[in-house]
Amino acid sequence: MAFSKGHGTENDFVLLPDPDGDLDLTPHRVRALCDRRRGLGADGVLRVVRTKALPDAPGGIDGDVWFMDYRNADGSIAEMCGNGVRVFARYLTDTGLAAGPEVPVGTRAGLRPATVNQDGTVTVDMGPVRRLGRSTARLAGRELDGLGIDVGNPHLACVVDAVADLDLATQPGFDPATFPQGVNLEFVEPVTDDEVRMRVHERGVGETRSCGTGTVAAAAAALDAQGRTTGVVTVHIPGGTVTVEVTDTGSTLTGPAEFVAEGELAQSWWDALA
């Protein structure tokens, strides 16, 4: 079984090529792959599969489009991953599965067109930013006001004075009535009107070095705090820097996608996880 390992601003993934959907990718196997001691280590798994080979793929995506079947580190299925789409699109062009530079990527949040730029960065059309209203996060005894945002998956982005000293080692609290499927929690520190720092606690993972959809949510929340709904925002996360543009009709995310390894999984290890 072949694999590749890559990351987008240090949000890292194991990619498994499986064009015909033959792999029995159970939650147990995903957890083992993502374990940083007994597996390869990652924030998630990206299965590279044709849309027509995935029974639960959403409608409206051509069957021959490559689908990013994304699993969180805890084995749960997620709708969308902005850093993952960048790595996925770069994988398709690097391996010749797509000609590029424009690459359509199927996700459970719908089709996400991506462009692999000449400098190695990838720009992803992230779709519309849907604002869900205000809610609160609870962190270390503090209640923080935030803006609920849907970018294909749910987010609660809280604008705060500083992010460096926040304790994200444990799950922050949130309103389960507002977010019954869980939520990604972003903490956003404005630097200038068009620049922010962000830390994130991802649903099903914990704190990560970056979250692509989370940077879009952070940008939208920072703009909202200024009474704006559109703009271009530079977002600094622990794993690097990305650029987000929010428009009246959609959003884009531009950032790096890098590969660090490729190889083969030991078949005996995989079989023992059945």
C-alpha atoms as a PDB file:
ATOM      1  CA  MET A   1       0.000   0.000   0.000  1.00  0.00           C
ATOM      2  CA  ALA A   2       1.525   3.266  -1.138  1.00  0.00           C
ATOM      3  CA  PHE A   3       1.334   6.434   0.931  1.00  0.00           C
ATOM      4  CA  SER A   4       2.580  10.006   0.822  1.00  0.00           C
ATOM      5  CA  LYS A   5       3.015  12.425   3.710  1.00  0.00           C
ATOM      6  CA  GLY A   6       2.535  16.160   3.279  1.00  0.00           C
ATOM      7  CA  HIS A   7       1.494  19.294   5.089  1.00  0.00           C
ATOM      8  CA  GLY A   8      -0.020  22.714   4.526  1.00  0.00           C
ATOM      9  CA  THR A   9       1.412  25.227   7.022  1.00  0.00           C
ATOM     10  CA  GLU A  10       2.294  22.240   9.249  1.00  0.00           C
ATOM     11  CA  ASN A  11      -1.244  20.816   9.242  1.00  0.00           C
ATOM     12  CA  ASP A  12      -0.096  17.345   8.187  1.00  0.00           C
ATOM     13  CA  PHE A  13      -1.759  14.482   6.350  1.00  0.00           C
ATOM     14  CA  VAL A  14      -1.226  10.921   5.192  1.00  0.00           C
ATOM     15  CA  LEU A  15      -2.433  10.498   1.603  1.00  0.00           C
ATOM     16  CA  LEU A  16      -3.590   7.072   0.447  1.00  0.00           C
ATOM     17  CA  PRO A  17      -4.084   6.554  -3.310  1.00  0.00           C
ATOM     18  CA  ASP A  18      -7.220   4.426  -3.744  1.00  0.00           C
ATOM     19  CA  PRO A  19      -8.800   5.334  -7.106  1.00  0.00           C
ATOM     20  CA  ASP A  20     -11.378   2.528  -7.078  1.00  0.00           C
ATOM     21  CA  GLY A  21     -12.315   2.787  -3.408  1.00  0.00           C
ATOM     22  CA  ASP A  22     -10.968  -0.656  -2.497  1.00  0.00           C
ATOM     23  CA  LEU A  23      -9.454   0.214   0.899  1.00  0.00           C
ATOM     24  CA  ASP A  24     -11.356  -0.687   4.032  1.00  0.00           C
ATOM     25  CA  LEU A  25     -10.513   2.594   5.722  1.00  0.00           C
ATOM     26  CA  THR A  26     -11.979   2.008   9.174  1.00  0.00           C
ATOM     27  CA  PRO A  27     -11.823   4.573  12.003  1.00  0.00           C
ATOM     28  CA  HIS A  28      -9.458   2.207  13.835  1.00  0.00           C
ATOM     29  CA  ARG A  29      -7.023   2.219  10.903  1.00  0.00           C
ATOM     30  CA  VAL A  30      -7.245   5.996  10.572  1.00  0.00           C
ATOM     31  CA  ARG A  31      -6.446   6.462  14.257  1.00  0.00           C
ATOM     32  CA  ALA A  32      -3.467   4.125  13.959  1.00  0.00           C
ATOM     33  CA  LEU A  33      -2.123   5.896  10.851  1.00  0.00           C
ATOM     34  CA  CYS A  34      -2.393   9.292  12.559  1.00  0.00           C
ATOM     35  CA  ASP A  35      -0.851   8.146  15.845  1.00  0.00           C
ATOM     36  CA  ARG A  36       2.571   9.776  16.138  1.00  0.00           C
ATOM     37  CA  ARG A  37       4.051   6.815  18.020  1.00  0.00           C
ATOM     38  CA  ARG A  38       2.526   3.650  16.576  1.00  0.00           C
ATOM     39  CA  GLY A  39       1.773   4.996  13.081  1.00  0.00           C
ATOM     40  CA  LEU A  40       2.994   7.577  10.596  1.00  0.00           C
ATOM     41  CA  GLY A  41       1.601  10.531  12.535  1.00  0.00           C
ATOM     42  CA  ALA A  42      -0.768  13.113  11.084  1.00  0.00           C
ATOM     43  CA  ASP A  43      -3.682  15.441  11.781  1.00  0.00           C
ATOM     44  CA  GLY A  44      -5.762  13.503   9.261  1.00  0.00           C
ATOM     45  CA  VAL A  45      -5.936  11.073   6.343  1.00  0.00           C
ATOM     46  CA  LEU A  46      -6.720  12.053   2.752  1.00  0.00           C
ATOM     47  CA  ARG A  47      -7.915   9.145   0.619  1.00  0.00           C
ATOM     48  CA  VAL A  48      -7.415   9.844  -3.090  1.00  0.00           C
ATOM     49  CA  VAL A  49     -10.465   8.253  -4.714  1.00  0.00           C
ATOM     50  CA  ARG A  50     -12.645   8.826  -7.760  1.00  0.00           C
ATOM     51  CA  THR A  51     -16.007  10.345  -6.848  1.00  0.00           C
ATOM     52  CA  LYS A  52     -17.866   7.517  -8.574  1.00  0.00           C
ATOM     53  CA  ALA A  53     -16.139   4.964  -6.309  1.00  0.00           C
ATOM     54  CA  LEU A  54     -17.352   6.624  -3.101  1.00  0.00           C
ATOM     55  CA  PRO A  55     -20.920   5.612  -2.168  1.00  0.00           C
ATOM     56  CA  ASP A  56     -21.504   8.563   0.175  1.00  0.00           C
ATOM     57  CA  ALA A  57     -20.144  11.274  -2.143  1.00  0.00           C
ATOM     58  CA  PRO A  58     -22.537  14.245  -2.447  1.00  0.00           C
ATOM     59  CA  GLY A  59     -24.465  14.776  -5.648  1.00  0.00           C
ATOM     60  CA  GLY A  60     -23.498  17.296  -8.282  1.00  0.00           C
ATOM     61  CA  ILE A  61     -19.845  16.209  -8.625  1.00  0.00           C
ATOM     62  CA  ASP A  62     -18.781  14.453 -11.818  1.00  0.00           C
ATOM     63  CA  GLY A  63     -17.913  10.815 -11.179  1.00  0.00           C
ATOM     64  CA  ASP A  64     -14.428  11.122 -12.689  1.00  0.00           C
ATOM     65  CA  VAL A  65     -13.404  14.003 -10.414  1.00  0.00           C
ATOM     66  CA  TRP A  66     -10.816  13.109  -7.777  1.00  0.00           C
ATOM     67  CA  PHE A  67     -12.457  13.175  -4.354  1.00  0.00           C
ATOM     68  CA  MET A  68     -10.698  14.127  -1.110  1.00  0.00           C
ATOM     69  CA  ASP A  69     -12.117  11.586   1.339  1.00  0.00           C
ATOM     70  CA  TYR A  70     -10.968  13.322   4.514  1.00  0.00           C
ATOM     71  CA  ARG A  71     -10.801  11.686   7.953  1.00  0.00           C
ATOM     72  CA  ASN A  72      -9.851  13.442  11.192  1.00  0.00           C
ATOM     73  CA  ALA A  73      -7.175  11.919  13.421  1.00  0.00           C
ATOM     74  CA  ASP A  74      -9.866  10.386  15.649  1.00  0.00           C
ATOM     75  CA  GLY A  75     -11.277   8.477  12.664  1.00  0.00           C
ATOM     76  CA  SER A  76     -14.319  10.692  12.144  1.00  0.00           C
ATOM     77  CA  ILE A  77     -15.314  11.924   8.699  1.00  0.00           C
ATOM     78  CA  ALA A  78     -15.126  15.685   8.081  1.00  0.00           C
ATOM     79  CA  GLU A  79     -16.845  17.729   5.401  1.00  0.00           C
ATOM     80  CA  MET A  80     -13.923  19.873   4.344  1.00  0.00           C
ATOM     81  CA  CYS A  81     -10.296  20.795   5.055  1.00  0.00           C
ATOM     82  CA  GLY A  82      -8.733  23.849   3.428  1.00  0.00           C
ATOM     83  CA  ASN A  83      -5.119  22.840   4.080  1.00  0.00           C
ATOM     84  CA  GLY A  84      -5.968  19.324   2.952  1.00  0.00           C
ATOM     85  CA  VAL A  85      -7.365  20.547  -0.368  1.00  0.00           C
ATOM     86  CA  ARG A  86      -4.121  22.394  -1.098  1.00  0.00           C
ATOM     87  CA  VAL A  87      -2.017  19.319  -0.352  1.00  0.00           C
ATOM     88  CA  PHE A  88      -4.464  17.111  -2.276  1.00  0.00           C
ATOM     89  CA  ALA A  89      -4.389  19.338  -5.385  1.00  0.00           C
ATOM     90  CA  ARG A  90      -0.590  19.492  -5.305  1.00  0.00           C
ATOM     91  CA  TYR A  91      -0.473  15.693  -5.004  1.00  0.00           C
ATOM     92  CA  LEU A  92      -2.677  15.300  -8.081  1.00  0.00           C
ATOM     93  CA  THR A  93      -0.451  17.511 -10.244  1.00  0.00           C
ATOM     94  CA  ASP A  94       2.848  16.172  -8.851  1.00  0.00           C
ATOM     95  CA  THR A  95       1.818  12.573  -9.571  1.00  0.00           C
ATOM     96  CA  GLY A  96       0.294  13.331 -12.995  1.00  0.00           C
ATOM     97  CA  LEU A  97      -3.236  12.402 -11.931  1.00  0.00           C
ATOM     98  CA  ALA A  98      -4.293  15.913 -12.985  1.00  0.00           C
ATOM     99  CA  ALA A  99      -2.703  18.141 -15.606  1.00  0.00           C
ATOM    100  CA  GLY A 100      -3.140  21.398 -13.699  1.00  0.00           C
ATOM    101  CA  PRO A 101      -2.667  24.170 -12.987  1.00  0.00           C
ATOM    102  CA  GLU A 102      -6.441  24.228 -12.362  1.00  0.00           C
ATOM    103  CA  VAL A 103      -7.650  21.164 -10.486  1.00  0.00           C
ATOM    104  CA  PRO A 104     -11.226  20.379  -9.414  1.00  0.00           C
ATOM    105  CA  VAL A 105     -11.371  18.632  -6.034  1.00  0.00           C
ATOM    106  CA  GLY A 106     -14.464  16.858  -4.756  1.00  0.00           C
ATOM    107  CA  THR A 107     -15.259  17.195  -1.041  1.00  0.00           C
ATOM    108  CA  ARG A 108     -18.247  16.466   1.174  1.00  0.00           C
ATOM    109  CA  ALA A 109     -18.840  20.225   1.193  1.00  0.00           C
ATOM    110  CA  GLY A 110     -19.063  20.209  -2.614  1.00  0.00           C
ATOM    111  CA  LEU A 111     -16.649  20.866  -5.453  1.00  0.00           C
ATOM    112  CA  ARG A 112     -13.623  22.972  -4.522  1.00  0.00           C
ATOM    113  CA  PRO A 113     -11.672  24.269  -7.557  1.00  0.00           C
ATOM    114  CA  ALA A 114      -7.958  24.708  -6.833  1.00  0.00           C
ATOM    115  CA  THR A 115      -5.100  26.327  -8.750  1.00  0.00           C
ATOM    116  CA  VAL A 116      -1.527  25.098  -8.302  1.00  0.00           C
ATOM    117  CA  ASN A 117       0.593  28.223  -8.690  1.00  0.00           C
ATOM    118  CA  GLN A 118       4.069  28.349 -10.209  1.00  0.00           C
ATOM    119  CA  ASP A 119       5.668  29.165  -6.858  1.00  0.00           C
ATOM    120  CA  GLY A 120       4.286  25.946  -5.334  1.00  0.00           C
ATOM    121  CA  THR A 121       1.491  27.604  -3.405  1.00  0.00           C
ATOM    122  CA  VAL A 122      -2.094  26.566  -4.044  1.00  0.00           C
ATOM    123  CA  THR A 123      -5.175  28.787  -4.227  1.00  0.00           C
ATOM    124  CA  VAL A 124      -8.476  27.145  -3.310  1.00  0.00           C
ATOM    125  CA  ASP A 125     -11.954  28.460  -4.000  1.00  0.00           C
ATOM    126  CA  MET A 126     -13.433  27.930  -0.549  1.00  0.00           C
ATOM    127  CA  GLY A 127     -16.984  28.840  -1.493  1.00  0.00           C
ATOM    128  CA  PRO A 128     -19.354  31.163   0.347  1.00  0.00           C
ATOM    129  CA  VAL A 129     -18.834  32.201   3.954  1.00  0.00           C
ATOM    130  CA  ARG A 130     -22.100  31.660   5.826  1.00  0.00           C
ATOM    131  CA  ARG A 131     -22.412  33.570   9.088  1.00  0.00           C
ATOM    132  CA  LEU A 132     -24.385  31.656  11.728  1.00  0.00           C
ATOM    133  CA  GLY A 133     -24.754  34.354  14.393  1.00  0.00           C
ATOM    134  CA  ARG A 134     -23.129  34.865  17.787  1.00  0.00           C
ATOM    135  CA  SER A 135     -22.237  32.151  20.276  1.00  0.00           C
ATOM    136  CA  THR A 136     -19.708  31.659  23.059  1.00  0.00           C
ATOM    137  CA  ALA A 137     -16.690  29.487  23.792  1.00  0.00           C
ATOM    138  CA  ARG A 138     -15.531  28.664  27.329  1.00  0.00           C
ATOM    139  CA  LEU A 139     -11.820  28.528  27.979  1.00  0.00           C
ATOM    140  CA  ALA A 140     -10.046  28.332  31.366  1.00  0.00           C
ATOM    141  CA  GLY A 141     -13.051  29.792  33.174  1.00  0.00           C
ATOM    142  CA  ARG A 142     -13.508  32.595  30.643  1.00  0.00           C
ATOM    143  CA  GLU A 143     -16.493  33.005  28.360  1.00  0.00           C
ATOM    144  CA  LEU A 144     -15.478  34.333  24.948  1.00  0.00           C
ATOM    145  CA  ASP A 145     -17.872  35.826  22.419  1.00  0.00           C
ATOM    146  CA  GLY A 146     -17.522  34.446  18.915  1.00  0.00           C
ATOM    147  CA  LEU A 147     -19.027  34.447  15.437  1.00  0.00           C
ATOM    148  CA  GLY A 148     -20.392  31.166  14.144  1.00  0.00           C
ATOM    149  CA  ILE A 149     -19.270  30.554  10.572  1.00  0.00           C
ATOM    150  CA  ASP A 150     -19.889  27.783   8.064  1.00  0.00           C
ATOM    151  CA  VAL A 151     -17.293  27.266   5.324  1.00  0.00           C
ATOM    152  CA  GLY A 152     -18.508  23.790   4.460  1.00  0.00           C
ATOM    153  CA  ASN A 153     -17.827  22.804   8.074  1.00  0.00           C
ATOM    154  CA  PRO A 154     -18.717  24.548  11.353  1.00  0.00           C
ATOM    155  CA  HIS A 155     -16.528  27.132  13.112  1.00  0.00           C
ATOM    156  CA  LEU A 156     -16.738  29.485  16.046  1.00  0.00           C
ATOM    157  CA  ALA A 157     -14.189  32.297  15.705  1.00  0.00           C
ATOM    158  CA  CYS A 158     -13.513  34.432  18.785  1.00  0.00           C
ATOM    159  CA  VAL A 159     -11.611  37.730  18.487  1.00  0.00           C
ATOM    160  CA  VAL A 160      -9.343  38.129  21.540  1.00  0.00           C
ATOM    161  CA  ASP A 161      -6.599  40.482  22.716  1.00  0.00           C
ATOM    162  CA  ALA A 162      -3.787  37.918  22.510  1.00  0.00           C
ATOM    163  CA  VAL A 163      -3.472  34.251  21.542  1.00  0.00           C
ATOM    164  CA  ALA A 164       0.025  33.369  22.770  1.00  0.00           C
ATOM    165  CA  ASP A 165      -0.923  32.483  26.335  1.00  0.00           C
ATOM    166  CA  LEU A 166      -4.184  30.617  25.698  1.00  0.00           C
ATOM    167  CA  ASP A 167      -4.341  27.076  27.085  1.00  0.00           C
ATOM    168  CA  LEU A 168      -5.751  24.865  24.320  1.00  0.00           C
ATOM    169  CA  ALA A 169      -4.500  21.587  25.769  1.00  0.00           C
ATOM    170  CA  THR A 170      -8.048  20.622  26.735  1.00  0.00           C
ATOM    171  CA  GLN A 171     -11.276  20.868  24.790  1.00  0.00           C
ATOM    172  CA  PRO A 172     -12.758  24.383  25.063  1.00  0.00           C
ATOM    173  CA  GLY A 173     -16.456  24.493  25.840  1.00  0.00           C
ATOM    174  CA  PHE A 174     -19.143  25.457  23.322  1.00  0.00           C
ATOM    175  CA  ASP A 175     -22.927  25.333  22.977  1.00  0.00           C
ATOM    176  CA  PRO A 176     -23.887  21.836  21.723  1.00  0.00           C
ATOM    177  CA  ALA A 177     -27.378  23.078  20.832  1.00  0.00           C
ATOM    178  CA  THR A 178     -25.807  25.496  18.340  1.00  0.00           C
ATOM    179  CA  PHE A 179     -23.182  23.017  17.136  1.00  0.00           C
ATOM    180  CA  PRO A 180     -24.673  19.516  17.509  1.00  0.00           C
ATOM    181  CA  GLN A 181     -21.955  17.958  15.307  1.00  0.00           C
ATOM    182  CA  GLY A 182     -19.141  19.686  17.184  1.00  0.00           C
ATOM    183  CA  VAL A 183     -17.220  22.746  16.049  1.00  0.00           C
ATOM    184  CA  ASN A 184     -13.751  24.005  15.169  1.00  0.00           C
ATOM    185  CA  LEU A 185     -12.759  26.818  17.539  1.00  0.00           C
ATOM    186  CA  GLU A 186     -10.569  29.695  16.353  1.00  0.00           C
ATOM    187  CA  PHE A 187      -9.016  32.362  18.571  1.00  0.00           C
ATOM    188  CA  VAL A 188      -8.107  35.451  16.584  1.00  0.00           C
ATOM    189  CA  GLU A 189      -5.775  38.301  17.569  1.00  0.00           C
ATOM    190  CA  PRO A 190      -5.899  41.380  15.311  1.00  0.00           C
ATOM    191  CA  VAL A 191      -2.488  42.772  14.319  1.00  0.00           C
ATOM    192  CA  THR A 192      -3.690  45.390  11.821  1.00  0.00           C
ATOM    193  CA  ASP A 193      -6.973  45.846   9.967  1.00  0.00           C
ATOM    194  CA  ASP A 194      -5.768  43.318   7.382  1.00  0.00           C
ATOM    195  CA  GLU A 195      -3.575  40.986   9.452  1.00  0.00           C
ATOM    196  CA  VAL A 196      -4.303  38.593  12.318  1.00  0.00           C
ATOM    197  CA  ARG A 197      -2.734  35.835  14.395  1.00  0.00           C
ATOM    198  CA  MET A 198      -4.751  32.691  14.996  1.00  0.00           C
ATOM    199  CA  ARG A 199      -4.708  29.512  17.069  1.00  0.00           C
ATOM    200  CA  VAL A 200      -7.201  26.712  16.554  1.00  0.00           C
ATOM    201  CA  HIS A 201      -8.664  23.743  18.401  1.00  0.00           C
ATOM    202  CA  GLU A 202      -9.942  21.416  15.684  1.00  0.00           C
ATOM    203  CA  ARG A 203     -12.939  19.164  16.081  1.00  0.00           C
ATOM    204  CA  GLY A 204     -11.764  15.562  16.405  1.00  0.00           C
ATOM    205  CA  VAL A 205      -8.062  16.488  16.582  1.00  0.00           C
ATOM    206  CA  GLY A 206      -7.223  19.072  19.268  1.00  0.00           C
ATOM    207  CA  GLU A 207      -4.948  22.058  18.776  1.00  0.00           C
ATOM    208  CA  THR A 208      -3.210  21.938  15.391  1.00  0.00           C
ATOM    209  CA  ARG A 209      -0.534  24.055  13.774  1.00  0.00           C
ATOM    210  CA  SER A 210      -3.043  25.296  11.216  1.00  0.00           C
ATOM    211  CA  CYS A 211      -6.588  24.852   9.898  1.00  0.00           C
ATOM    212  CA  GLY A 212      -7.396  26.033   6.386  1.00  0.00           C
ATOM    213  CA  THR A 213     -11.130  26.513   6.775  1.00  0.00           C
ATOM    214  CA  GLY A 214     -10.361  27.981  10.187  1.00  0.00           C
ATOM    215  CA  THR A 215      -8.230  30.720   8.625  1.00  0.00           C
ATOM    216  CA  VAL A 216     -11.194  31.681   6.446  1.00  0.00           C
ATOM    217  CA  ALA A 217     -13.411  31.787   9.528  1.00  0.00           C
ATOM    218  CA  ALA A 218     -10.778  33.859  11.351  1.00  0.00           C
ATOM    219  CA  ALA A 219     -10.574  36.335   8.493  1.00  0.00           C
ATOM    220  CA  ALA A 220     -14.368  36.649   8.360  1.00  0.00           C
ATOM    221  CA  ALA A 221     -14.568  37.212  12.128  1.00  0.00           C
ATOM    222  CA  ALA A 222     -11.797  39.830  12.064  1.00  0.00           C
ATOM    223  CA  LEU A 223     -13.546  41.695   9.253  1.00  0.00           C
ATOM    224  CA  ASP A 224     -16.864  41.437  11.108  1.00  0.00           C
ATOM    225  CA  ALA A 225     -15.280  43.012  14.198  1.00  0.00           C
ATOM    226  CA  GLN A 226     -14.483  46.043  12.020  1.00  0.00           C
ATOM    227  CA  GLY A 227     -17.981  46.194  10.559  1.00  0.00           C
ATOM    228  CA  ARG A 228     -16.759  44.779   7.239  1.00  0.00           C
ATOM    229  CA  THR A 229     -17.938  41.760   5.272  1.00  0.00           C
ATOM    230  CA  THR A 230     -15.256  41.662   2.564  1.00  0.00           C
ATOM    231  CA  GLY A 231     -11.508  42.071   2.367  1.00  0.00           C
ATOM    232  CA  VAL A 232      -8.094  40.413   2.059  1.00  0.00           C
ATOM    233  CA  VAL A 233      -6.566  39.233   5.340  1.00  0.00           C
ATOM    234  CA  THR A 234      -3.124  37.794   6.068  1.00  0.00           C
ATOM    235  CA  VAL A 235      -3.477  35.069   8.694  1.00  0.00           C
ATOM    236  CA  HIS A 236      -0.469  33.963  10.762  1.00  0.00           C
ATOM    237  CA  ILE A 237      -0.860  30.533  12.337  1.00  0.00           C
ATOM    238  CA  PRO A 238       1.775  28.583  14.309  1.00  0.00           C
ATOM    239  CA  GLY A 239       2.594  26.617  11.136  1.00  0.00           C
ATOM    240  CA  GLY A 240       3.083  29.568   8.794  1.00  0.00           C
ATOM    241  CA  THR A 241       1.148  32.232   6.923  1.00  0.00           C
ATOM    242  CA  VAL A 242      -1.741  32.165   4.446  1.00  0.00           C
ATOM    243  CA  THR A 243      -3.799  34.764   2.595  1.00  0.00           C
ATOM    244  CA  VAL A 244      -7.593  34.775   2.688  1.00  0.00           C
ATOM    245  CA  GLU A 245      -9.893  36.839   0.499  1.00  0.00           C
ATOM    246  CA  VAL A 246     -13.552  37.130   1.474  1.00  0.00           C
ATOM    247  CA  THR A 247     -15.941  38.539  -1.135  1.00  0.00           C
ATOM    248  CA  ASP A 248     -19.685  39.079  -1.261  1.00  0.00           C
ATOM    249  CA  THR A 249     -20.147  35.731  -2.989  1.00  0.00           C
ATOM    250  CA  GLY A 250     -17.274  33.525  -1.868  1.00  0.00           C
ATOM    251  CA  SER A 251     -13.756  33.198  -0.495  1.00  0.00           C
ATOM    252  CA  THR A 252     -10.302  31.984  -1.488  1.00  0.00           C
ATOM    253  CA  LEU A 253      -7.389  30.603   0.507  1.00  0.00           C
ATOM    254  CA  THR A 254      -3.795  30.766  -0.760  1.00  0.00           C
ATOM    255  CA  GLY A 255      -0.915  29.036   0.984  1.00  0.00           C
ATOM    256  CA  PRO A 256       1.862  26.452   0.692  1.00  0.00           C
ATOM    257  CA  ALA A 257       1.577  22.695   0.173  1.00  0.00           C
ATOM    258  CA  GLU A 258       4.665  20.555   0.783  1.00  0.00           C
ATOM    259  CA  PHE A 259       5.559  16.867   0.675  1.00  0.00           C
ATOM    260  CA  VAL A 260       8.043  15.246   3.009  1.00  0.00           C
ATOM    261  CA  ALA A 261       7.865  11.488   2.355  1.00  0.00           C
ATOM    262  CA  GLU A 262       6.456   8.663   0.315  1.00  0.00           C
ATOM    263  CA  GLY A 263       6.670   4.926   0.743  1.00  0.00           C
ATOM    264  CA  GLU A 264       4.720   1.753   1.425  1.00  0.00           C
ATOM    265  CA  LEU A 265       2.820   0.640   4.490  1.00  0.00           C
ATOM    266  CA  ALA A 266       3.709  -2.800   5.831  1.00  0.00           C
ATOM    267  CA  GLN A 267       0.873  -5.100   4.797  1.00  0.00           C
ATOM    268  CA  SER A 268       1.136  -7.116   8.003  1.00  0.00           C
ATOM    269  CA  TRP A 269       0.697  -3.926  10.075  1.00  0.00           C
ATOM    270  CA  TRP A 270      -2.365  -2.909   8.051  1.00  0.00           C
ATOM    271  CA  ASP A 271      -3.928  -6.376   8.198  1.00  0.00           C
ATOM    272  CA  ALA A 272      -3.443  -6.559  11.983  1.00  0.00           C
ATOM    273  CA  LEU A 273      -5.652  -3.447  12.330  1.00  0.00           C
ATOM    274  CA  ALA A 274      -8.650  -5.099  10.653  1.00  0.00           C
END
